[in-house]
């Protein structure tokens, strides 16, 4: 074998090792990207859910207060009507 053939064989061996390492790194990096993506998505969803819960709590609280106020107003109107009917 001449020097060129030896160099070509070494070149092929290095290329094969590099391809194997790239494939291994591809699996590791793909796993990392998937885990990181799901983690960020989970955090985003958690923040959105928290904001919606806080907004809905205040909305429900406001609606209950308004309903109670309307109920009190209706009771006052009924009392006033009863008083007018008695006269």
Protein backbone atom coordinates (compact mmCIF):
# COMPACT_ATOMS: atom_id res chain seq x y z
CA UNK A 1 0.00 0.00 0.00
CA UNK A 2 1.19 3.41 -0.81
CA UNK A 3 0.87 6.52 1.34
CA UNK A 4 -2.22 7.78 -0.50
CA UNK A 5 -4.11 4.50 0.16
CA UNK A 6 -3.18 4.60 3.84
CA UNK A 7 -4.33 8.22 4.06
CA UNK A 8 -7.62 7.30 2.35
CA UNK A 9 -8.21 4.43 4.78
CA UNK A 10 -7.54 6.68 7.78
CA UNK A 11 -9.82 9.31 6.27
CA UNK A 12 -12.64 6.76 5.88
CA UNK A 13 -12.13 5.49 9.44
CA UNK A 14 -12.27 9.03 10.83
CA UNK A 15 -15.35 9.83 8.75
CA UNK A 16 -17.09 6.68 10.09
CA UNK A 17 -16.25 7.61 13.71
CA UNK A 18 -17.47 11.17 13.17
CA UNK A 19 -20.74 9.94 11.67
CA UNK A 20 -21.32 7.68 14.67
CA UNK A 21 -20.61 10.54 17.09
CA UNK A 22 -22.95 12.84 15.17
CA UNK A 23 -25.70 10.23 15.35
CA UNK A 24 -25.17 9.80 19.10
CA UNK A 25 -25.12 13.57 19.59
CA UNK A 26 -28.25 13.86 17.48
CA UNK A 27 -30.16 11.54 19.82
CA UNK A 28 -28.92 13.38 22.90
CA UNK A 29 -29.65 16.82 21.48
CA UNK A 30 -33.09 15.73 20.24
CA UNK A 31 -33.92 14.43 23.71
CA UNK A 32 -32.71 17.68 25.28
CA UNK A 33 -34.70 19.81 22.84
CA UNK A 34 -37.88 17.80 23.46
CA UNK A 35 -37.54 17.99 27.25
CA UNK A 36 -36.74 21.71 27.15
CA UNK A 37 -39.66 22.38 24.80
CA UNK A 38 -42.17 20.53 26.97
CA UNK A 39 -40.83 22.26 30.08
CA UNK A 40 -41.24 25.72 28.55
CA UNK A 41 -44.68 24.82 27.22
CA UNK A 42 -45.69 23.59 30.67
CA UNK A 43 -44.51 26.85 32.27
CA UNK A 44 -46.38 28.92 29.69
CA UNK A 45 -49.60 26.95 30.22
CA UNK A 46 -49.22 27.25 34.00
CA UNK A 47 -48.91 31.03 33.75
CA UNK A 48 -51.92 31.31 31.46
CA UNK A 49 -54.03 29.09 33.73
CA UNK A 50 -53.02 31.11 36.79
CA UNK A 51 -53.97 34.41 35.15
CA UNK A 52 -57.31 33.03 33.96
CA UNK A 53 -58.08 31.65 37.44
CA UNK A 54 -57.27 34.99 39.07
CA UNK A 55 -59.41 36.89 36.56
CA UNK A 56 -62.30 34.47 36.89
CA UNK A 57 -62.16 34.65 40.70
CA UNK A 58 -62.48 38.43 40.68
CA UNK A 59 -65.17 38.24 38.01
CA UNK A 60 -67.20 35.73 40.01
CA UNK A 61 -66.73 37.79 43.17
CA UNK A 62 -67.93 40.95 41.38
CA UNK A 63 -70.95 39.14 39.95
CA UNK A 64 -71.93 37.80 43.37
CA UNK A 65 -71.69 41.30 44.86
CA UNK A 66 -73.78 42.78 42.05
CA UNK A 67 -76.36 40.02 42.37
CA UNK A 68 -76.61 40.60 46.12
CA UNK A 69 -76.99 44.36 45.56
CA UNK A 70 -79.74 43.78 43.00
CA UNK A 71 -81.45 41.38 45.38
CA UNK A 72 -81.31 44.00 48.15
CA UNK A 73 -82.69 46.64 45.77
CA UNK A 74 -85.56 44.32 44.75
CA UNK A 75 -86.35 43.68 48.43
CA UNK A 76 -86.43 47.45 49.10
CA UNK A 77 -88.71 48.02 46.10
CA UNK A 78 -91.08 45.27 47.26
CA UNK A 79 -91.18 46.81 50.73
CA UNK A 80 -91.92 50.24 49.26
CA UNK A 81 -94.70 48.78 47.06
CA UNK A 82 -96.23 46.97 50.04
CA UNK A 83 -96.19 50.22 51.98
CA UNK A 84 -97.86 52.08 49.10
CA UNK A 85 -100.54 49.41 48.81
CA UNK A 86 -101.39 49.71 52.50
CA UNK A 87 -102.16 53.43 52.19
